[in-house]
Amino acid sequence: MSDSHVISGVDALLAGHGPNLKGERLGLILHPASVTSDLTLSADALVQGGLSLESLFGPQHGARGEKQDNMIESDHYTDRALGVRVHSLYSDVRKPTADMLDGLDAVLFDLQDVGVRVYTFVWTMALAMEACAEAGVRFIVLDRPNPLGGVVREGPVLRRGYESFVGLHPIPLRHGLTSGELARWLVRVRGIDVDLTVVPCIGWRRWMHWDDTGLPWVMPSPNLPTLSSCEAYPGMVLFEGTLISEGRGTTRPFELVGAPWLDPQALCQTVPSSLGEGVMLRPCYFEPTFQKHMNEVCGGVQLHVTDRDSFRPVRAAVALFSACRSVEGELFPWRQPPYEYEKTLMPIDMLWGHDGLRAGIDAGAMPDEILEGVELELTEFGVEIEPDLLYE
């Protein structure tokens, strides 16, 4: 291990801080950010540590992170390096089948999450927990820090009737939890009756941002290449539910938003009063190389975070939605279904957690009106989650 301040769950397990898994037949859910502090892929490190990996499982973007765009399914295949079967959990199935789990004693979960409800890795975890419960297989979370810290929560709690693969259980948009804490809540509150073990990080504190941990940053998915993209993501990901580009196909995804019909100067002049603290906007143009408006020049803005402790990306996104609506003076360009395996619900409603953002923007509501009641939801969720927290 390196001299990092924080020891992740996989490093803690390898150092003896966790269950003894020698002789156990193990499956591992992983992706390219599943690394030790010296950047060894966790699958390799576990095998080198004398553990027996019988199979691997890959989430969205694939076990090796090979799928650049979102909503592109991965194949099942045999890993050439380890010689074991890799089961895709973003394909014809998102929940491990009984055949995939046959013969396993335990499944290890080692995905780097980013602390946002719509990031699908925690729902891969939830479905795998359900499958393990049904198959009588133990489930072990090798916990990792939340890159956004564990202090701030933002955005609405998902409401019943809006469940999807970008939100299967009622948590806030920016939830402030680690995967291990969320797994504990899923067992205690949501009734997933699995034999769960969480191997916590050692040394992580809720106030820490990623660069406080001393751990190396490996992008957890292709369109979150940097910490600054992660900081913007909790709010800017909402633009996936629109026909406005969220910057996919550029080198600054989720920091750039725009469309061919938007006027950057007008947008910047309209939004600042409601944007919130800790962020500035720069009018700009960009041309995506894939996804929305590919090879078209888009007018828009780039977010520049000046104080990440005071920056509230969800509020900033709602302010930008309102500004886009005001500048255009017509109905907002919402994306239509299908989206993330859902053929009926509006994508923006799936992302927000209910239809309140869409209804508010279409009615010309201001950000404060749209966000009314959210703080109470967050307070109530904070009380509910308290028993499941692992870190100070």
Protein backbone atom coordinates (compact mmCIF):
# COMPACT_ATOMS: atom_id res chain seq x y z
CA MET A 1 0.00 0.00 0.00
CA SER A 2 1.05 3.62 -0.58
CA ASP A 3 1.28 6.43 1.96
CA SER A 4 -2.29 7.57 1.31
CA HIS A 5 -4.26 9.02 4.21
CA VAL A 6 -7.23 6.77 3.47
CA ILE A 7 -7.21 3.01 2.96
CA SER A 8 -9.98 1.75 0.70
CA GLY A 9 -11.99 -1.37 1.44
CA VAL A 10 -10.05 -3.60 -0.93
CA ASP A 11 -6.72 -2.55 0.59
CA ALA A 12 -8.18 -2.99 4.06
CA LEU A 13 -9.30 -6.53 3.18
CA LEU A 14 -5.88 -7.41 1.79
CA ALA A 15 -4.29 -6.08 4.98
CA GLY A 16 -6.43 -8.37 7.13
CA HIS A 17 -9.18 -5.91 8.13
CA GLY A 18 -12.12 -7.99 7.08
CA PRO A 19 -13.39 -11.55 6.73
CA ASN A 20 -10.98 -14.37 5.96
CA LEU A 21 -11.95 -15.45 2.46
CA LYS A 22 -9.20 -18.00 1.83
CA GLY A 23 -10.70 -21.10 0.27
CA GLU A 24 -13.95 -19.31 -0.60
CA ARG A 25 -15.30 -19.31 -4.16
CA LEU A 26 -15.72 -15.63 -4.99
CA GLY A 27 -17.33 -13.42 -7.59
CA LEU A 28 -16.25 -9.80 -7.99
CA ILE A 29 -18.20 -6.81 -9.34
CA LEU A 30 -15.59 -4.39 -10.67
CA HIS A 31 -14.67 -1.73 -13.22
CA PRO A 32 -11.45 0.15 -14.13
CA ALA A 33 -11.56 2.28 -10.96
CA SER A 34 -11.53 -0.88 -8.84
CA VAL A 35 -7.88 -0.47 -7.93
CA THR A 36 -5.65 -0.64 -4.87
CA SER A 37 -3.70 2.39 -3.70
CA ASP A 38 -0.80 1.40 -5.98
CA LEU A 39 -3.20 1.17 -8.97
CA THR A 40 -3.32 -2.63 -9.15
CA LEU A 41 -6.69 -3.80 -10.44
CA SER A 42 -8.52 -5.28 -7.46
CA ALA A 43 -9.13 -8.57 -9.29
CA ASP A 44 -5.39 -9.03 -9.79
CA ALA A 45 -4.62 -7.93 -6.23
CA LEU A 46 -7.12 -10.38 -4.73
CA VAL A 47 -5.74 -13.27 -6.77
CA GLN A 48 -2.18 -12.29 -5.84
CA GLY A 49 -3.38 -12.25 -2.22
CA GLY A 50 -4.34 -15.90 -2.48
CA LEU A 51 -8.10 -15.56 -3.03
CA SER A 52 -10.03 -17.59 -5.56
CA LEU A 53 -11.99 -15.56 -8.10
CA GLU A 54 -14.40 -17.77 -9.99
CA SER A 55 -16.13 -15.04 -12.00
CA LEU A 56 -16.30 -11.30 -12.60
CA PHE A 57 -19.31 -9.04 -13.08
CA GLY A 58 -19.26 -5.78 -15.06
CA PRO A 59 -21.64 -2.80 -14.56
CA GLN A 60 -22.59 -0.07 -17.04
CA HIS A 61 -19.64 0.73 -19.35
CA GLY A 62 -18.23 -2.77 -18.81
CA ALA A 63 -15.85 -4.48 -16.42
CA ARG A 64 -12.93 -2.98 -18.35
CA GLY A 65 -14.67 0.34 -19.02
CA GLU A 66 -14.70 -0.36 -22.73
CA LYS A 67 -18.03 1.34 -23.57
CA GLN A 68 -17.44 5.08 -23.93
CA ASP A 69 -21.00 6.27 -24.33
CA ASN A 70 -23.85 5.74 -21.88
CA MET A 71 -26.70 3.26 -22.44
CA ILE A 72 -24.44 1.02 -24.55
CA GLU A 73 -24.74 -2.61 -23.44
CA SER A 74 -21.73 -4.83 -22.75
CA ASP A 75 -21.24 -8.45 -23.75
CA HIS A 76 -20.59 -11.52 -21.62
CA TYR A 77 -17.09 -12.86 -22.29
CA THR A 78 -14.07 -14.63 -20.82
CA ASP A 79 -11.38 -12.38 -19.35
CA ARG A 80 -8.13 -13.18 -21.11
CA ALA A 81 -5.93 -12.01 -18.23
CA LEU A 82 -7.56 -14.11 -15.49
CA GLY A 83 -9.25 -16.78 -17.57
CA VAL A 84 -12.59 -16.39 -15.79
CA ARG A 85 -16.06 -15.66 -17.09
CA VAL A 86 -17.19 -12.01 -17.08
CA HIS A 87 -20.95 -11.56 -16.71
CA SER A 88 -22.34 -8.25 -17.97
CA LEU A 89 -24.88 -6.62 -15.67
CA TYR A 90 -25.70 -4.00 -18.27
CA SER A 91 -27.00 -6.23 -21.04
CA ASP A 92 -29.92 -8.60 -21.36
CA VAL A 93 -29.82 -8.68 -17.54
CA ARG A 94 -29.06 -6.13 -14.85
CA LYS A 95 -29.56 -8.54 -11.96
CA PRO A 96 -27.28 -11.60 -11.67
CA THR A 97 -29.06 -14.80 -12.56
CA ALA A 98 -29.04 -17.96 -10.46
CA ASP A 99 -26.73 -19.58 -13.03
CA MET A 100 -24.23 -16.72 -12.69
CA LEU A 101 -24.15 -17.19 -8.90
CA ASP A 102 -24.10 -20.98 -8.95
CA GLY A 103 -21.17 -22.36 -6.99
CA LEU A 104 -20.17 -19.04 -5.40
CA ASP A 105 -19.80 -18.59 -1.64
CA ALA A 106 -19.72 -14.79 -1.78
CA VAL A 107 -19.86 -11.85 -4.18
CA LEU A 108 -17.53 -8.91 -3.59
CA PHE A 109 -18.62 -5.44 -4.68
CA ASP A 110 -15.80 -3.02 -5.48
CA LEU A 111 -17.18 -0.21 -7.64
CA GLN A 112 -16.18 3.43 -7.19
CA ASP A 113 -19.44 5.36 -6.89
CA VAL A 114 -19.78 9.16 -7.15
CA GLY A 115 -22.55 9.81 -4.62
CA VAL A 116 -25.42 10.59 -7.02
CA ARG A 117 -28.69 8.66 -7.19
CA VAL A 118 -28.76 8.42 -10.97
CA TYR A 119 -25.28 6.89 -11.21
CA THR A 120 -26.22 3.28 -11.86
CA PHE A 121 -23.48 1.46 -9.92
CA VAL A 122 -25.36 1.51 -6.61
CA TRP A 123 -28.41 -0.01 -8.32
CA THR A 124 -26.22 -2.74 -9.78
CA MET A 125 -25.24 -3.29 -6.15
CA ALA A 126 -28.86 -3.36 -4.96
CA LEU A 127 -29.92 -5.86 -7.62
CA ALA A 128 -26.89 -8.04 -6.93
CA MET A 129 -27.77 -7.98 -3.23
CA GLU A 130 -31.29 -9.16 -4.08
CA ALA A 131 -29.93 -11.95 -6.26
CA CYS A 132 -27.48 -13.06 -3.57
CA ALA A 133 -30.28 -13.08 -1.01
CA GLU A 134 -32.32 -15.36 -3.25
CA ALA A 135 -29.35 -17.66 -3.94
CA GLY A 136 -28.03 -17.82 -0.37
CA VAL A 137 -24.73 -16.18 -1.37
CA ARG A 138 -22.98 -13.74 0.97
CA PHE A 139 -22.46 -10.15 -0.21
CA ILE A 140 -19.37 -8.17 0.73
CA VAL A 141 -18.96 -4.47 -0.01
CA LEU A 142 -15.37 -3.28 -0.26
CA ASP A 143 -16.18 0.32 0.56
CA ARG A 144 -14.71 3.39 -1.14
CA PRO A 145 -14.87 7.13 -0.37
CA ASN A 146 -17.61 9.30 -1.79
CA PRO A 147 -15.68 11.73 -4.05
CA LEU A 148 -18.15 14.51 -3.21
CA GLY A 149 -17.75 14.01 0.52
CA GLY A 150 -20.40 12.85 2.94
CA VAL A 151 -21.65 16.11 4.43
CA VAL A 152 -23.87 17.72 1.77
CA ARG A 153 -27.08 16.25 0.40
CA GLU A 154 -29.06 17.87 -2.40
CA GLY A 155 -32.09 17.40 -4.56
CA PRO A 156 -35.36 15.61 -4.03
CA VAL A 157 -35.88 12.13 -2.67
CA LEU A 158 -37.16 9.69 -5.33
CA ARG A 159 -40.92 9.23 -5.13
CA ARG A 160 -42.92 6.04 -5.58
CA GLY A 161 -43.92 5.45 -9.18
CA TYR A 162 -40.71 6.92 -10.60
CA GLU A 163 -38.44 3.95 -9.92
CA SER A 164 -36.04 2.95 -12.69
CA PHE A 165 -32.45 1.83 -13.19
CA VAL A 166 -31.37 5.42 -12.42
CA GLY A 167 -33.21 5.22 -9.09
CA LEU A 168 -34.64 2.06 -7.54
CA HIS A 169 -35.08 3.26 -3.95
CA PRO A 170 -36.06 6.58 -2.30
CA ILE A 171 -32.79 8.44 -1.72
CA PRO A 172 -31.82 12.05 -2.53
CA LEU A 173 -30.28 13.02 -5.84
CA ARG A 174 -26.95 13.79 -4.13
CA HIS A 175 -27.06 11.37 -1.24
CA GLY A 176 -23.78 11.93 0.66
CA LEU A 177 -23.26 8.20 1.34
CA THR A 178 -20.72 5.55 0.54
CA SER A 179 -21.81 2.34 -1.14
CA GLY A 180 -21.31 0.46 2.12
CA GLU A 181 -23.60 2.82 4.01
CA LEU A 182 -26.24 2.57 1.32
CA ALA A 183 -25.98 -1.24 1.39
CA ARG A 184 -26.61 -1.21 5.16
CA TRP A 185 -29.71 0.95 4.60
CA LEU A 186 -30.97 -1.37 1.86
CA VAL A 187 -30.80 -4.27 4.31
CA ARG A 188 -32.22 -2.45 7.34
CA VAL A 189 -34.90 -0.25 5.77
CA ARG A 190 -35.63 -1.69 2.34
CA GLY A 191 -35.74 -5.31 3.42
CA ILE A 192 -33.08 -6.93 1.25
CA ASP A 193 -32.47 -10.03 3.35
CA VAL A 194 -28.88 -10.76 2.36
CA ASP A 195 -25.93 -11.83 4.51
CA LEU A 196 -24.07 -8.50 4.24
CA THR A 197 -20.55 -7.57 5.29
CA VAL A 198 -19.09 -4.11 4.71
CA VAL A 199 -15.32 -3.69 4.82
CA PRO A 200 -15.06 0.04 5.61
CA CYS A 201 -12.45 2.48 4.42
CA ILE A 202 -9.89 3.26 7.09
CA GLY A 203 -9.28 6.93 7.80
CA TRP A 204 -12.06 8.46 5.69
CA ARG A 205 -14.03 11.35 7.18
CA ARG A 206 -17.25 12.81 5.83
CA TRP A 207 -15.73 16.26 5.24
CA MET A 208 -13.13 14.88 2.86
CA HIS A 209 -13.16 15.53 -0.86
CA TRP A 210 -11.34 13.00 -3.01
CA ASP A 211 -8.07 14.92 -3.10
CA ASP A 212 -8.03 14.93 0.71
CA THR A 213 -7.80 11.12 0.72
CA GLY A 214 -4.38 10.75 -0.89
CA LEU A 215 -5.81 8.03 -3.13
CA PRO A 216 -5.18 8.08 -6.89
CA TRP A 217 -8.10 9.15 -9.05
CA VAL A 218 -9.20 6.71 -11.75
CA MET A 219 -12.26 7.76 -13.72
CA PRO A 220 -15.16 5.53 -12.64
CA SER A 221 -16.85 5.94 -16.03
CA PRO A 222 -15.60 7.42 -19.30
CA ASN A 223 -17.53 10.68 -19.01
CA LEU A 224 -16.37 11.50 -15.49
CA PRO A 225 -12.67 11.90 -16.28
CA THR A 226 -11.80 14.48 -13.62
CA LEU A 227 -12.78 15.57 -10.13
CA SER A 228 -14.19 18.80 -11.55
CA SER A 229 -16.57 16.82 -13.77
CA CYS A 230 -17.69 14.91 -10.66
CA GLU A 231 -18.35 18.15 -8.78
CA ALA A 232 -20.67 19.36 -11.53
CA TYR A 233 -22.30 15.98 -12.17
CA PRO A 234 -25.05 15.93 -9.47
CA GLY A 235 -26.82 18.81 -11.19
CA MET A 236 -25.63 18.80 -14.77
CA VAL A 237 -26.59 15.15 -15.23
CA LEU A 238 -30.19 16.40 -15.27
CA PHE A 239 -29.54 17.74 -18.77
CA GLU A 240 -29.54 14.10 -19.92
CA GLY A 241 -33.32 14.43 -19.66
CA THR A 242 -33.35 17.20 -22.28
CA LEU A 243 -32.31 17.82 -25.86
CA ILE A 244 -29.61 20.19 -24.57
CA SER A 245 -26.11 18.70 -24.56
CA GLU A 246 -24.57 17.98 -21.15
CA GLY A 247 -21.13 18.08 -22.75
CA ARG A 248 -20.82 14.40 -23.67
CA GLY A 249 -18.57 14.13 -26.68
CA THR A 250 -16.33 16.93 -25.38
CA THR A 251 -13.32 16.91 -23.09
CA ARG A 252 -15.35 18.64 -20.33
CA PRO A 253 -18.51 16.54 -19.87
CA PHE A 254 -21.00 17.93 -17.33
CA GLU A 255 -19.05 21.19 -17.12
CA LEU A 256 -20.30 22.27 -20.54
CA VAL A 257 -23.99 22.56 -21.41
CA GLY A 258 -25.42 23.97 -24.60
CA ALA A 259 -27.34 23.51 -27.83
CA PRO A 260 -27.20 24.92 -31.39
CA TRP A 261 -30.12 27.24 -30.69
CA LEU A 262 -28.86 28.76 -27.41
CA ASP A 263 -27.31 32.22 -27.13
CA PRO A 264 -24.38 32.02 -24.65
CA GLN A 265 -24.41 35.72 -23.77
CA ALA A 266 -28.15 35.80 -23.16
CA LEU A 267 -27.89 32.70 -21.00
CA CYS A 268 -25.13 34.18 -18.85
CA GLN A 269 -27.03 37.43 -18.42
CA THR A 270 -30.20 35.64 -17.33
CA VAL A 271 -28.93 33.09 -14.80
CA PRO A 272 -26.45 34.61 -12.26
CA SER A 273 -28.86 35.83 -9.57
CA SER A 274 -30.20 32.34 -8.94
CA LEU A 275 -27.06 30.28 -9.66
CA GLY A 276 -25.89 30.09 -6.06
CA GLU A 277 -22.43 30.52 -4.57
CA GLY A 278 -19.09 28.98 -5.45
CA VAL A 279 -19.47 28.89 -9.22
CA MET A 280 -19.02 31.17 -12.22
CA LEU A 281 -20.26 30.82 -15.78
CA ARG A 282 -18.32 31.44 -18.96
CA PRO A 283 -20.20 31.86 -22.26
CA CYS A 284 -18.75 29.49 -24.84
CA TYR A 285 -19.23 27.39 -27.93
CA PHE A 286 -18.39 23.71 -28.36
CA GLU A 287 -18.87 20.92 -30.89
CA PRO A 288 -19.60 17.42 -29.53
CA THR A 289 -17.89 14.55 -31.30
CA PHE A 290 -20.62 12.07 -30.30
CA GLN A 291 -24.07 11.95 -28.71
CA LYS A 292 -26.39 14.98 -28.84
CA HIS A 293 -25.67 17.53 -31.59
CA MET A 294 -22.68 15.60 -32.84
CA ASN A 295 -20.58 17.75 -35.18
CA GLU A 296 -22.83 20.77 -34.58
CA VAL A 297 -21.64 24.00 -32.97
CA CYS A 298 -23.48 24.49 -29.66
CA GLY A 299 -23.83 27.75 -27.79
CA GLY A 300 -23.82 27.42 -24.04
CA VAL A 301 -21.81 27.86 -20.87
CA GLN A 302 -18.99 26.26 -18.96
CA LEU A 303 -19.23 25.98 -15.18
CA HIS A 304 -16.13 27.06 -13.27
CA VAL A 305 -16.31 26.00 -9.62
CA THR A 306 -14.56 28.57 -7.41
CA ASP A 307 -15.51 27.14 -3.99
CA ARG A 308 -16.62 23.52 -3.95
CA ASP A 309 -17.73 23.69 -0.31
CA SER A 310 -20.35 26.32 -1.09
CA PHE A 311 -21.15 25.17 -4.63
CA ARG A 312 -24.52 23.43 -4.94
CA PRO A 313 -24.63 21.77 -8.36
CA VAL A 314 -28.30 20.78 -8.17
CA ARG A 315 -29.37 24.36 -7.51
CA ALA A 316 -27.07 25.59 -10.28
CA ALA A 317 -28.65 23.14 -12.72
CA VAL A 318 -32.19 24.21 -11.82
CA ALA A 319 -31.13 27.84 -12.34
CA LEU A 320 -29.73 26.95 -15.76
CA PHE A 321 -32.94 25.12 -16.68
CA SER A 322 -34.93 28.21 -15.71
CA ALA A 323 -32.59 30.49 -17.66
CA CYS A 324 -32.81 28.32 -20.80
CA ARG A 325 -36.61 28.44 -20.56
CA SER A 326 -36.55 32.22 -20.10
CA VAL A 327 -34.12 32.87 -22.95
CA GLU A 328 -36.03 30.69 -25.41
CA GLY A 329 -39.46 31.89 -24.30
CA GLU A 330 -41.09 28.60 -25.29
CA LEU A 331 -41.59 25.09 -23.96
CA PHE A 332 -38.46 23.38 -22.74
CA PRO A 333 -36.92 20.76 -25.11
CA TRP A 334 -37.47 17.65 -23.01
CA ARG A 335 -36.06 14.32 -24.12
CA GLN A 336 -38.70 11.69 -24.81
CA PRO A 337 -38.64 8.00 -23.76
CA PRO A 338 -37.16 5.43 -23.99
CA TYR A 339 -34.33 6.04 -21.53
CA GLU A 340 -32.39 3.55 -19.38
CA TYR A 341 -34.71 0.63 -20.12
CA GLU A 342 -37.82 2.68 -19.29
CA LYS A 343 -40.32 3.20 -22.13
CA THR A 344 -43.05 5.22 -20.43
CA LEU A 345 -41.66 7.65 -17.85
CA MET A 346 -40.19 10.93 -19.05
CA PRO A 347 -36.38 10.82 -18.69
CA ILE A 348 -36.26 14.09 -16.75
CA ASP A 349 -38.80 12.74 -14.24
CA MET A 350 -36.68 9.61 -13.74
CA LEU A 351 -33.60 11.74 -13.12
CA TRP A 352 -35.27 14.29 -10.82
CA GLY A 353 -37.23 11.60 -8.98
CA HIS A 354 -40.70 12.92 -9.84
CA ASP A 355 -42.35 15.32 -12.29
CA GLY A 356 -41.87 18.49 -10.22
CA LEU A 357 -38.88 19.91 -12.11
CA ARG A 358 -40.51 19.44 -15.51
CA ALA A 359 -43.84 20.86 -14.36
CA GLY A 360 -42.13 23.83 -12.70
CA ILE A 361 -39.96 24.73 -15.68
CA ASP A 362 -42.87 24.41 -18.11
CA ALA A 363 -44.89 26.74 -15.87
CA GLY A 364 -42.08 29.31 -15.75
CA ALA A 365 -41.42 28.76 -12.02
CA MET A 366 -38.28 30.18 -10.40
CA PRO A 367 -35.63 27.91 -8.84
CA ASP A 368 -36.74 28.61 -5.25
CA GLU A 369 -40.28 27.54 -6.12
CA ILE A 370 -39.08 24.34 -7.77
CA LEU A 371 -36.83 23.48 -4.82
CA GLU A 372 -39.49 24.23 -2.19
CA GLY A 373 -39.87 21.33 0.23
CA VAL A 374 -36.61 19.63 -0.72
CA GLU A 375 -34.81 20.62 2.49
CA LEU A 376 -37.50 18.94 4.59
CA GLU A 377 -37.12 15.74 2.54
CA LEU A 378 -33.36 15.84 3.06
CA THR A 379 -33.75 16.37 6.81
CA GLU A 380 -36.12 13.41 7.09
CA PHE A 381 -33.80 11.20 5.06
CA GLY A 382 -30.86 12.27 7.24
CA VAL A 383 -32.68 11.03 10.32
CA GLU A 384 -33.59 7.74 8.62
CA ILE A 385 -30.05 7.01 7.41
CA GLU A 386 -28.28 7.89 10.66
CA PRO A 387 -28.06 4.29 12.01
CA ASP A 388 -26.34 3.13 8.82
CA LEU A 389 -23.52 5.68 8.74
CA LEU A 390 -20.00 4.26 9.15
CA TYR A 391 -17.87 7.40 9.21
CA GLU A 392 -17.58 10.51 11.34
